[in-house]
Amino acid sequence: MIRHTALGPTRFAQLRNLATLINSKAITIGGHRPGKIYGTLTCRTGKRMKPENRVFFQEETEAVALGYRPCAVCLPDRYKVWKEASK
C-alpha cells in the first residue's frame, strides 16, 4: 500500500510520481484509507477524495488482504458479492 502523501513533498511531485507508477503498472487500484474501500483509478468518487485519505495498491488481492472492500460505484458486481458474503 502506498499513501498518496508519501509520493512527494509537493502536489506537483506527487502527481508526477503517481503518473510514473500508473504507467509502469506498479499501482492499478486506488483506495480510501479511512473507509477501507478500494476501486478503479478512474472511479468518479475516488477522484474526489482528499489526497491525505487516498492510498494505492498494486493488485486487488493486496487491498482485500488489508481488509478493504470493493467500491459500490465502480465495482458494483464485486461489491454485491462482498455484501452477500458479509451478511
Protein backbone atom coordinates (compact mmCIF):
# COMPACT_ATOMS: atom_id res chain seq x y z
CA MET A 1 0.00 0.00 0.00
CA ILE A 2 1.27 3.42 -0.94
CA ARG A 3 -0.19 6.58 0.59
CA HIS A 4 -0.73 9.48 -1.81
CA THR A 5 1.05 11.89 0.51
CA ALA A 6 4.14 9.64 0.51
CA LEU A 7 4.66 10.19 -3.22
CA GLY A 8 6.42 13.52 -2.81
CA PRO A 9 6.68 16.77 -0.86
CA THR A 10 4.57 18.86 -3.26
CA ARG A 11 1.35 18.24 -5.16
CA PHE A 12 3.25 18.52 -8.46
CA ALA A 13 5.81 15.91 -7.35
CA GLN A 14 3.02 13.63 -6.11
CA LEU A 15 1.19 13.79 -9.44
CA ARG A 16 4.37 13.21 -11.44
CA ASN A 17 5.33 10.20 -9.31
CA LEU A 18 1.77 8.90 -9.43
CA ALA A 19 1.76 9.04 -13.24
CA THR A 20 5.04 7.14 -13.33
CA LEU A 21 3.68 4.42 -11.05
CA ILE A 22 0.47 4.08 -13.07
CA ASN A 23 2.34 3.86 -16.37
CA SER A 24 4.69 1.20 -15.01
CA LYS A 25 1.70 -0.78 -13.59
CA ALA A 26 3.17 -0.52 -10.09
CA ILE A 27 -0.30 0.60 -8.97
CA THR A 28 -3.62 -0.43 -10.52
CA ILE A 29 -6.13 0.11 -7.70
CA GLY A 30 -6.94 3.14 -5.55
CA GLY A 31 -8.45 3.21 -2.10
CA HIS A 32 -9.97 5.35 0.63
CA ARG A 33 -7.97 4.69 3.78
CA PRO A 34 -10.49 5.79 6.47
CA GLY A 35 -13.38 3.94 4.81
CA LYS A 36 -11.28 0.91 3.82
CA ILE A 37 -12.77 0.97 0.29
CA TYR A 38 -10.90 0.17 -2.94
CA GLY A 39 -11.82 0.81 -6.56
CA THR A 40 -10.58 1.63 -10.02
CA LEU A 41 -8.28 4.58 -10.62
CA THR A 42 -10.95 6.13 -12.85
CA CYS A 43 -13.80 5.97 -10.30
CA ARG A 44 -15.68 9.27 -10.07
CA THR A 45 -15.97 9.08 -6.28
CA GLY A 46 -12.32 8.16 -5.87
CA LYS A 47 -11.20 11.18 -7.85
CA ARG A 48 -12.96 13.48 -5.37
CA MET A 49 -11.35 12.22 -2.18
CA LYS A 50 -8.72 14.20 -0.31
CA PRO A 51 -5.14 13.17 -1.13
CA GLU A 52 -4.38 12.52 2.54
CA ASN A 53 -7.10 9.83 2.54
CA ARG A 54 -6.04 8.20 -0.74
CA VAL A 55 -3.95 5.02 -0.96
CA PHE A 56 -2.85 2.87 -3.87
CA PHE A 57 -2.37 -0.85 -4.36
CA GLN A 58 -0.57 -2.90 -6.99
CA GLU A 59 -3.32 -5.53 -7.11
CA GLU A 60 -6.84 -6.05 -5.86
CA THR A 61 -5.67 -9.01 -3.75
CA GLU A 62 -3.40 -6.66 -1.78
CA ALA A 63 -6.35 -4.41 -0.93
CA VAL A 64 -8.52 -7.36 0.10
CA ALA A 65 -5.72 -8.79 2.25
CA LEU A 66 -5.53 -5.48 4.11
CA GLY A 67 -9.27 -5.54 4.84
CA TYR A 68 -10.54 -3.17 2.15
CA ARG A 69 -13.93 -3.73 0.47
CA PRO A 70 -14.93 -3.07 -3.17
CA CYS A 71 -16.43 0.28 -4.18
CA ALA A 72 -20.19 0.12 -4.89
CA VAL A 73 -19.86 2.78 -7.62
CA CYS A 74 -17.10 1.46 -9.88
CA LEU A 75 -17.13 -2.24 -8.89
CA PRO A 76 -20.85 -2.96 -8.33
CA ASP A 77 -20.65 -6.70 -9.09
CA ARG A 78 -17.75 -7.27 -6.69
CA TYR A 79 -19.49 -5.08 -4.10
CA LYS A 80 -22.65 -7.23 -4.28
CA VAL A 81 -20.61 -10.41 -3.80
CA TRP A 82 -18.77 -8.82 -0.85
CA LYS A 83 -22.04 -7.62 0.71
CA GLU A 84 -23.68 -11.05 0.41
CA ALA A 85 -20.63 -12.72 1.93
CA SER A 86 -20.53 -10.29 4.86
CA LYS A 87 -24.11 -10.99 5.98
